[in-house]
Amino acid sequence: MHEASTQFLESLLLTPSPPGYESAIQEHVRAWARNYADEVVTDRHGNVIAVRNPGAEPRVMFAGHCDQLALMVQYIDDQGFLYVQPMGGWDIMILLGQKLTVWTRTGPLPGVVARKAPHLLTADDRKKVPEFTDVWVDIGAASREEAQSTVAIGDTITVELGVRWLHNELAVAAGMDDKVGVWVVMEALRLLHGKQLAGSFYFVSTVQEEIGLRGATTSAYGIHPHVGVAIDVTHATDTPGQDKKQIGEAKLGLGPVLSRGPNVNPRVHELFVQTAKEDAIDVQIRAHPRGTGTDANAIQLSRDGVAAGLIGIPNRYMHSPVEMVSLRDLDRSAQLVAGFCRRIRPELDWRP
């Protein structure tokens, strides 16, 4: 991986980005995009849009969402414990016992999420999956007043952020979903720097995907693209217990996953397959018989309809603090997006 690009990836993974609170990470995106785009704008929703060749046709949009799973402070009790509600789809059993960071107005504050020790749980309690009202965040405060001196209702919380590098060019971090998609979109922008392109190309870091594909909805409406492609993570099935008969097969390190199904325009899919073949990029295929639950849903249904596509980055342990991806897959995904852009022509017919 390109050295500056590796540093950019790290900056994304080490920056908090709860849904609706993405301004810090978008600063990194803007700083990167300004080096390679003709213009960089931020809309009122917070989406960052880097444009090549504004005003030309066709308009082609690529979207990766920068928000990550988080928690929000809902209540502070008399003893100074924080009670939280989820921002996005947490598995609370994975969350228990994690080191956390509360992002306060005065800076980051360490804490942990916990409940009663197992020795103190009743037999019935041990059989139950706890609710968020059954757990709390401990910041070490001795009272509500002490906690409120730094923490406010509505402050956001993430797991402790960091990156670990494993064997075989694998990386582990919270928020791979979908900061790696943002990285792919912006790395493709870098790869296309100085290249002639036929059309306008919009490289978008979208917001609030984890709570309803919200940033993709507004940015796609504003861009009004002819073609729109989401880059998101997809479930890797190369771990024990996966039902490949139900969700298909995808492995880390074997390249990006191209989706097929009603959420994907067949002409877009065919051009990605052609690009992969001609540029010798390994890809995998996955079937999605309905909407995909990604920004591709919102993009496809924008205005009068968009020719949509979806690239998935294989991801182990999704929606956990230890999401795992392959750097090879990231590089290949960016190369695939760049190659796709180079093959866009105004005369292409995107109708199925």
Protein backbone atom coordinates (compact mmCIF):
# COMPACT_ATOMS: atom_id res chain seq x y z
CA MET A 1 0.00 0.00 0.00
CA HIS A 2 1.17 3.51 -0.87
CA GLU A 3 2.84 5.01 2.25
CA ALA A 4 0.76 8.18 2.40
CA SER A 5 -2.35 6.11 1.76
CA THR A 6 -1.53 3.86 4.72
CA GLN A 7 -1.19 6.93 6.93
CA PHE A 8 -4.53 8.22 5.64
CA LEU A 9 -6.18 4.88 6.50
CA GLU A 10 -4.75 5.05 10.02
CA SER A 11 -6.00 8.61 10.47
CA LEU A 12 -9.52 7.49 9.56
CA LEU A 13 -9.47 4.52 11.92
CA LEU A 14 -8.11 6.55 14.83
CA THR A 15 -10.69 9.35 14.50
CA PRO A 16 -14.12 9.02 16.14
CA SER A 17 -17.14 9.28 13.85
CA PRO A 18 -20.46 8.48 15.55
CA PRO A 19 -23.51 9.01 13.32
CA GLY A 20 -24.26 12.71 13.18
CA TYR A 21 -20.88 13.56 14.74
CA GLU A 22 -18.60 12.99 11.76
CA SER A 23 -17.00 16.44 11.50
CA ALA A 24 -13.61 15.34 12.89
CA ILE A 25 -13.13 12.51 10.42
CA GLN A 26 -14.42 14.61 7.54
CA GLU A 27 -11.58 17.06 8.20
CA HIS A 28 -9.15 14.25 7.30
CA VAL A 29 -11.18 13.41 4.19
CA ARG A 30 -11.22 17.02 3.00
CA ALA A 31 -7.48 17.43 3.58
CA TRP A 32 -6.81 14.33 1.49
CA ALA A 33 -9.28 15.13 -1.29
CA ARG A 34 -8.04 18.67 -1.85
CA ASN A 35 -4.80 17.23 -3.24
CA TYR A 36 -6.56 15.36 -6.04
CA ALA A 37 -10.00 16.85 -6.78
CA ASP A 38 -11.04 19.82 -8.88
CA GLU A 39 -13.37 20.92 -6.09
CA VAL A 40 -14.29 19.70 -2.62
CA VAL A 41 -17.59 20.67 -1.01
CA THR A 42 -19.38 19.79 2.21
CA ASP A 43 -23.18 19.81 2.12
CA ARG A 44 -25.49 20.84 4.95
CA HIS A 45 -25.85 17.23 6.04
CA GLY A 46 -22.08 16.84 6.45
CA ASN A 47 -21.32 14.71 3.40
CA VAL A 48 -17.93 15.52 1.84
CA ILE A 49 -18.02 15.48 -1.97
CA ALA A 50 -14.81 15.58 -4.02
CA VAL A 51 -15.42 16.23 -7.71
CA ARG A 52 -13.44 15.60 -10.88
CA ASN A 53 -14.60 17.36 -14.08
CA PRO A 54 -17.67 19.14 -12.65
CA GLY A 55 -20.37 19.94 -15.20
CA ALA A 56 -19.69 17.06 -17.58
CA GLU A 57 -21.88 14.01 -18.25
CA PRO A 58 -22.47 11.31 -17.31
CA ARG A 59 -22.40 11.99 -13.57
CA VAL A 60 -20.89 9.05 -11.66
CA MET A 61 -20.97 8.83 -7.87
CA PHE A 62 -18.94 6.65 -5.49
CA ALA A 63 -19.91 6.52 -1.82
CA GLY A 64 -18.34 5.14 1.33
CA HIS A 65 -19.85 6.00 4.70
CA CYS A 66 -17.57 7.44 7.36
CA ASP A 67 -19.78 6.93 10.42
CA GLN A 68 -19.20 4.09 12.87
CA LEU A 69 -21.15 2.33 15.60
CA ALA A 70 -21.27 4.34 18.80
CA LEU A 71 -23.19 4.95 22.02
CA MET A 72 -24.87 8.08 23.34
CA VAL A 73 -25.14 9.22 26.94
CA GLN A 74 -28.80 9.13 27.92
CA TYR A 75 -28.73 9.44 31.73
CA ILE A 76 -26.29 9.99 34.61
CA ASP A 77 -27.26 8.47 37.95
CA ASP A 78 -26.52 9.75 41.46
CA GLN A 79 -23.33 7.66 41.70
CA GLY A 80 -21.90 9.08 38.45
CA PHE A 81 -22.54 6.04 36.26
CA LEU A 82 -23.52 6.76 32.66
CA TYR A 83 -26.42 4.98 30.99
CA VAL A 84 -26.31 4.81 27.22
CA GLN A 85 -28.32 3.92 24.16
CA PRO A 86 -26.87 2.46 20.93
CA MET A 87 -26.14 4.40 17.76
CA GLY A 88 -26.36 1.60 15.21
CA GLY A 89 -26.65 -2.17 15.46
CA TRP A 90 -24.62 -3.31 18.47
CA ASP A 91 -24.41 -6.86 19.80
CA ILE A 92 -24.44 -6.01 23.50
CA MET A 93 -22.69 -9.27 24.42
CA ILE A 94 -19.65 -8.18 22.39
CA LEU A 95 -19.76 -4.71 23.93
CA LEU A 96 -19.63 -5.87 27.57
CA GLY A 97 -16.26 -5.35 29.21
CA GLN A 98 -14.88 -3.09 26.48
CA LYS A 99 -12.64 -0.09 27.06
CA LEU A 100 -14.45 3.04 25.89
CA THR A 101 -13.82 6.69 25.13
CA VAL A 102 -16.39 9.35 25.96
CA TRP A 103 -16.04 12.25 23.54
CA THR A 104 -16.80 15.28 25.72
CA ARG A 105 -16.71 19.00 25.01
CA THR A 106 -13.33 19.19 26.79
CA GLY A 107 -11.78 16.15 25.10
CA PRO A 108 -11.70 12.35 25.27
CA LEU A 109 -12.47 10.69 28.58
CA PRO A 110 -11.68 6.99 29.26
CA GLY A 111 -14.28 4.61 30.63
CA VAL A 112 -15.47 1.02 30.60
CA VAL A 113 -18.83 -0.63 30.01
CA ALA A 114 -19.87 -3.24 32.57
CA ARG A 115 -22.58 -4.94 34.55
CA LYS A 116 -22.59 -7.13 37.67
CA ALA A 117 -19.76 -9.66 37.93
CA PRO A 118 -20.88 -13.17 36.91
CA HIS A 119 -20.53 -14.35 40.52
CA LEU A 120 -23.32 -11.95 41.54
CA LEU A 121 -25.80 -12.78 38.77
CA THR A 122 -28.77 -15.01 39.51
CA ALA A 123 -29.21 -18.21 37.52
CA ASP A 124 -31.99 -16.54 35.52
CA ASP A 125 -29.86 -13.45 34.86
CA ARG A 126 -27.09 -15.61 33.40
CA LYS A 127 -29.52 -16.99 30.81
CA LYS A 128 -30.71 -13.56 29.64
CA VAL A 129 -29.17 -11.26 27.08
CA PRO A 130 -28.90 -7.94 28.94
CA GLU A 131 -30.61 -4.80 27.70
CA PHE A 132 -28.82 -1.47 27.46
CA THR A 133 -30.67 -0.39 30.59
CA ASP A 134 -28.94 -3.26 32.45
CA VAL A 135 -25.38 -2.03 31.80
CA TRP A 136 -23.55 1.17 32.52
CA VAL A 137 -20.43 3.12 31.64
CA ASP A 138 -18.00 3.74 34.50
CA ILE A 139 -15.69 6.75 34.14
CA GLY A 140 -14.52 6.63 37.75
CA ALA A 141 -16.74 9.51 38.91
CA ALA A 142 -17.91 9.46 42.53
CA SER A 143 -21.16 11.36 41.99
CA ARG A 144 -23.53 12.77 39.40
CA GLU A 145 -22.05 16.23 39.95
CA GLU A 146 -18.52 15.02 39.28
CA ALA A 147 -19.59 13.17 36.12
CA GLN A 148 -21.54 16.21 34.90
CA SER A 149 -18.46 18.41 35.29
CA THR A 150 -17.12 16.77 32.13
CA VAL A 151 -19.90 14.66 30.56
CA ALA A 152 -23.13 16.04 29.07
CA ILE A 153 -26.30 14.29 28.01
CA GLY A 154 -25.94 13.54 24.29
CA ASP A 155 -22.17 13.06 24.38
CA THR A 156 -21.07 10.17 22.20
CA ILE A 157 -18.96 7.16 23.10
CA THR A 158 -16.89 4.77 21.02
CA VAL A 159 -14.81 1.76 21.90
CA GLU A 160 -11.15 2.61 22.41
CA LEU A 161 -9.81 3.31 18.93
CA GLY A 162 -6.66 1.71 17.58
CA VAL A 163 -5.25 -0.41 14.76
CA ARG A 164 -3.48 -3.76 14.97
CA TRP A 165 -1.50 -5.21 12.07
CA LEU A 166 -1.63 -9.00 11.72
CA HIS A 167 -0.02 -11.65 9.52
CA ASN A 168 -0.75 -11.79 5.78
CA GLU A 169 -1.45 -8.04 5.44
CA LEU A 170 -4.54 -8.16 7.66
CA ALA A 171 -5.60 -5.26 9.86
CA VAL A 172 -7.94 -5.11 12.86
CA ALA A 173 -9.80 -2.06 14.15
CA ALA A 174 -13.18 -0.81 15.22
CA GLY A 175 -14.94 1.11 12.47
CA MET A 176 -13.59 -0.78 9.47
CA ASP A 177 -17.31 -0.59 8.66
CA ASP A 178 -17.10 1.58 6.69
CA LYS A 179 -14.01 3.72 7.01
CA VAL A 180 -12.33 1.30 4.60
CA GLY A 181 -15.03 2.19 2.07
CA VAL A 182 -14.19 5.87 2.46
CA TRP A 183 -10.53 4.98 2.03
CA VAL A 184 -11.23 3.07 -1.20
CA VAL A 185 -13.24 5.96 -2.63
CA MET A 186 -10.54 8.50 -1.80
CA GLU A 187 -7.66 6.24 -2.87
CA ALA A 188 -9.37 5.82 -6.25
CA LEU A 189 -9.48 9.61 -6.46
CA ARG A 190 -5.71 9.65 -5.89
CA LEU A 191 -5.11 6.95 -8.52
CA LEU A 192 -7.04 9.03 -11.06
CA HIS A 193 -5.08 12.21 -10.40
CA GLY A 194 -3.91 13.67 -13.69
CA LYS A 195 -5.85 11.12 -15.77
CA GLN A 196 -8.28 12.16 -18.51
CA LEU A 197 -11.86 11.23 -17.66
CA ALA A 198 -15.05 11.34 -19.74
CA GLY A 199 -17.74 12.58 -17.36
CA SER A 200 -18.13 14.12 -13.92
CA PHE A 201 -17.00 11.94 -11.02
CA TYR A 202 -18.15 12.45 -7.44
CA PHE A 203 -16.18 10.78 -4.64
CA VAL A 204 -18.33 11.01 -1.51
CA SER A 205 -17.75 10.34 2.18
CA THR A 206 -21.32 9.92 3.36
CA VAL A 207 -22.69 10.33 6.90
CA GLN A 208 -25.24 8.56 9.09
CA GLU A 209 -25.41 5.27 7.18
CA GLU A 210 -25.58 3.24 10.38
CA ILE A 211 -28.88 4.85 11.38
CA GLY A 212 -30.66 4.65 8.04
CA LEU A 213 -28.56 5.41 4.91
CA ARG A 214 -29.23 9.08 5.54
CA GLY A 215 -26.17 10.76 4.03
CA ALA A 216 -26.37 8.73 0.83
CA THR A 217 -30.02 9.73 0.48
CA THR A 218 -29.26 13.45 0.60
CA SER A 219 -25.98 13.43 -1.35
CA ALA A 220 -27.40 11.31 -4.17
CA TYR A 221 -30.37 13.66 -4.43
CA GLY A 222 -28.02 16.63 -4.71
CA ILE A 223 -25.65 15.04 -7.21
CA HIS A 224 -28.40 13.40 -9.31
CA PRO A 225 -26.00 10.80 -10.72
CA HIS A 226 -26.57 8.58 -13.73
CA VAL A 227 -24.44 5.88 -12.07
CA GLY A 228 -23.88 5.44 -8.35
CA VAL A 229 -21.70 2.87 -6.61
CA ALA A 230 -21.48 2.18 -2.88
CA ILE A 231 -18.31 0.74 -1.37
CA ASP A 232 -19.02 -0.97 1.92
CA VAL A 233 -17.92 -3.99 3.90
CA THR A 234 -19.47 -7.41 3.41
CA HIS A 235 -19.43 -10.49 5.62
CA ALA A 236 -16.36 -12.68 5.18
CA THR A 237 -17.34 -16.34 5.45
CA ASP A 238 -13.86 -17.78 5.99
CA THR A 239 -14.35 -18.31 9.73
CA PRO A 240 -15.94 -21.25 11.58
CA GLY A 241 -19.71 -21.67 11.66
CA GLN A 242 -20.65 -19.61 8.59
CA ASP A 243 -23.62 -20.84 6.53
CA LYS A 244 -22.38 -20.28 2.98
CA LYS A 245 -25.57 -21.81 1.61
CA GLN A 246 -27.45 -18.87 3.06
CA ILE A 247 -25.10 -15.90 2.59
CA GLY A 248 -22.66 -17.05 -0.09
CA GLU A 249 -18.88 -17.13 0.08
CA ALA A 250 -16.29 -14.38 0.51
CA LYS A 251 -12.75 -14.69 1.79
CA LEU A 252 -10.20 -12.17 3.01
CA GLY A 253 -7.39 -11.52 0.56
CA LEU A 254 -9.16 -12.79 -2.57
CA GLY A 255 -10.28 -9.39 -3.78
CA PRO A 256 -13.36 -7.15 -3.62
CA VAL A 257 -16.83 -8.66 -3.75
CA LEU A 258 -19.12 -7.61 -6.60
CA SER A 259 -22.81 -7.89 -5.74
CA ARG A 260 -25.48 -9.13 -8.11
CA GLY A 261 -29.22 -8.76 -7.60
CA PRO A 262 -32.09 -6.26 -7.89
CA ASN A 263 -30.11 -3.54 -6.06
CA VAL A 264 -27.41 -3.66 -8.76
CA ASN A 265 -27.78 -2.50 -12.34
CA PRO A 266 -26.61 -5.32 -14.66
CA ARG A 267 -24.74 -2.91 -16.96
CA VAL A 268 -22.78 -1.55 -14.00
CA HIS A 269 -21.98 -5.07 -12.85
CA GLU A 270 -20.85 -6.08 -16.34
CA LEU A 271 -18.49 -3.11 -16.60
CA PHE A 272 -16.94 -3.97 -13.25
CA VAL A 273 -16.43 -7.58 -14.34
CA GLN A 274 -14.88 -6.40 -17.62
CA THR A 275 -12.60 -4.00 -15.75
CA ALA A 276 -11.47 -6.72 -13.35
CA LYS A 277 -10.69 -9.09 -16.21
CA GLU A 278 -8.82 -6.57 -18.34
CA ASP A 279 -6.86 -5.12 -15.40
CA ALA A 280 -6.11 -8.55 -13.85
CA ILE A 281 -7.86 -7.72 -10.56
CA ASP A 282 -9.15 -10.67 -8.56
CA VAL A 283 -12.80 -10.30 -7.58
CA GLN A 284 -15.44 -12.39 -5.84
CA ILE A 285 -19.19 -12.50 -6.58
CA ARG A 286 -22.04 -12.48 -4.08
CA ALA A 287 -25.79 -12.68 -4.70
CA HIS A 288 -28.23 -10.30 -2.97
CA PRO A 289 -31.84 -11.24 -3.79
CA ARG A 290 -33.26 -8.07 -2.24
CA GLY A 291 -32.06 -4.64 -1.10
CA THR A 292 -28.54 -4.81 0.29
CA GLY A 293 -28.89 -2.61 3.38
CA THR A 294 -26.08 -0.37 2.13
CA ASP A 295 -25.85 3.10 0.64
CA ALA A 296 -26.56 1.40 -2.72
CA ASN A 297 -30.21 1.14 -1.60
CA ALA A 298 -30.57 4.88 -1.16
CA ILE A 299 -28.57 5.73 -4.28
CA GLN A 300 -30.57 3.41 -6.55
CA LEU A 301 -33.90 4.92 -5.49
CA SER A 302 -32.86 8.56 -5.67
CA ARG A 303 -34.98 10.86 -7.84
CA ASP A 304 -35.82 9.12 -11.15
CA GLY A 305 -33.59 6.13 -10.40
CA VAL A 306 -29.85 5.52 -10.62
CA ALA A 307 -27.84 2.70 -12.23
CA ALA A 308 -26.44 1.36 -8.97
CA GLY A 309 -23.51 -0.86 -8.08
CA LEU A 310 -22.02 -2.28 -4.91
CA ILE A 311 -18.46 -3.27 -4.04
CA GLY A 312 -17.98 -5.16 -0.78
CA ILE A 313 -14.78 -5.37 1.24
CA PRO A 314 -14.67 -8.78 2.99
CA ASN A 315 -14.82 -8.13 6.72
CA ARG A 316 -14.57 -10.60 9.60
CA TYR A 317 -16.40 -9.88 12.89
CA MET A 318 -18.59 -7.07 11.57
CA HIS A 319 -20.09 -4.65 14.10
CA SER A 320 -17.51 -5.51 16.71
CA PRO A 321 -14.40 -3.76 18.07
CA VAL A 322 -12.18 -6.26 16.17
CA GLU A 323 -13.33 -5.95 12.57
CA MET A 324 -10.71 -7.49 10.27
CA VAL A 325 -9.92 -6.75 6.62
CA SER A 326 -7.15 -7.43 4.13
CA LEU A 327 -5.03 -4.55 2.87
CA ARG A 328 -4.76 -6.42 -0.43
CA ASP A 329 -8.53 -6.23 -0.82
CA LEU A 330 -8.45 -2.50 -0.15
CA ASP A 331 -5.80 -1.87 -2.79
CA ARG A 332 -7.59 -4.02 -5.36
CA SER A 333 -10.90 -2.29 -4.65
CA ALA A 334 -9.40 1.15 -5.28
CA GLN A 335 -7.77 -0.09 -8.49
CA LEU A 336 -11.11 -1.54 -9.61
CA VAL A 337 -12.93 1.76 -9.01
CA ALA A 338 -10.23 3.70 -10.86
CA GLY A 339 -10.31 1.27 -13.79
CA PHE A 340 -14.11 1.50 -13.94
CA CYS A 341 -13.88 5.30 -14.11
CA ARG A 342 -11.39 5.18 -16.97
CA ARG A 343 -13.85 3.07 -19.01
CA ILE A 344 -16.83 5.43 -18.61
CA ARG A 345 -17.98 6.97 -21.87
CA PRO A 346 -20.91 9.35 -22.51
CA GLU A 347 -22.41 6.96 -25.06
CA LEU A 348 -22.75 4.03 -22.63
CA ASP A 349 -26.36 2.94 -22.14
CA TRP A 350 -27.12 2.07 -18.52
CA ARG A 351 -30.65 0.83 -19.14
CA PRO A 352 -31.07 -2.88 -18.24
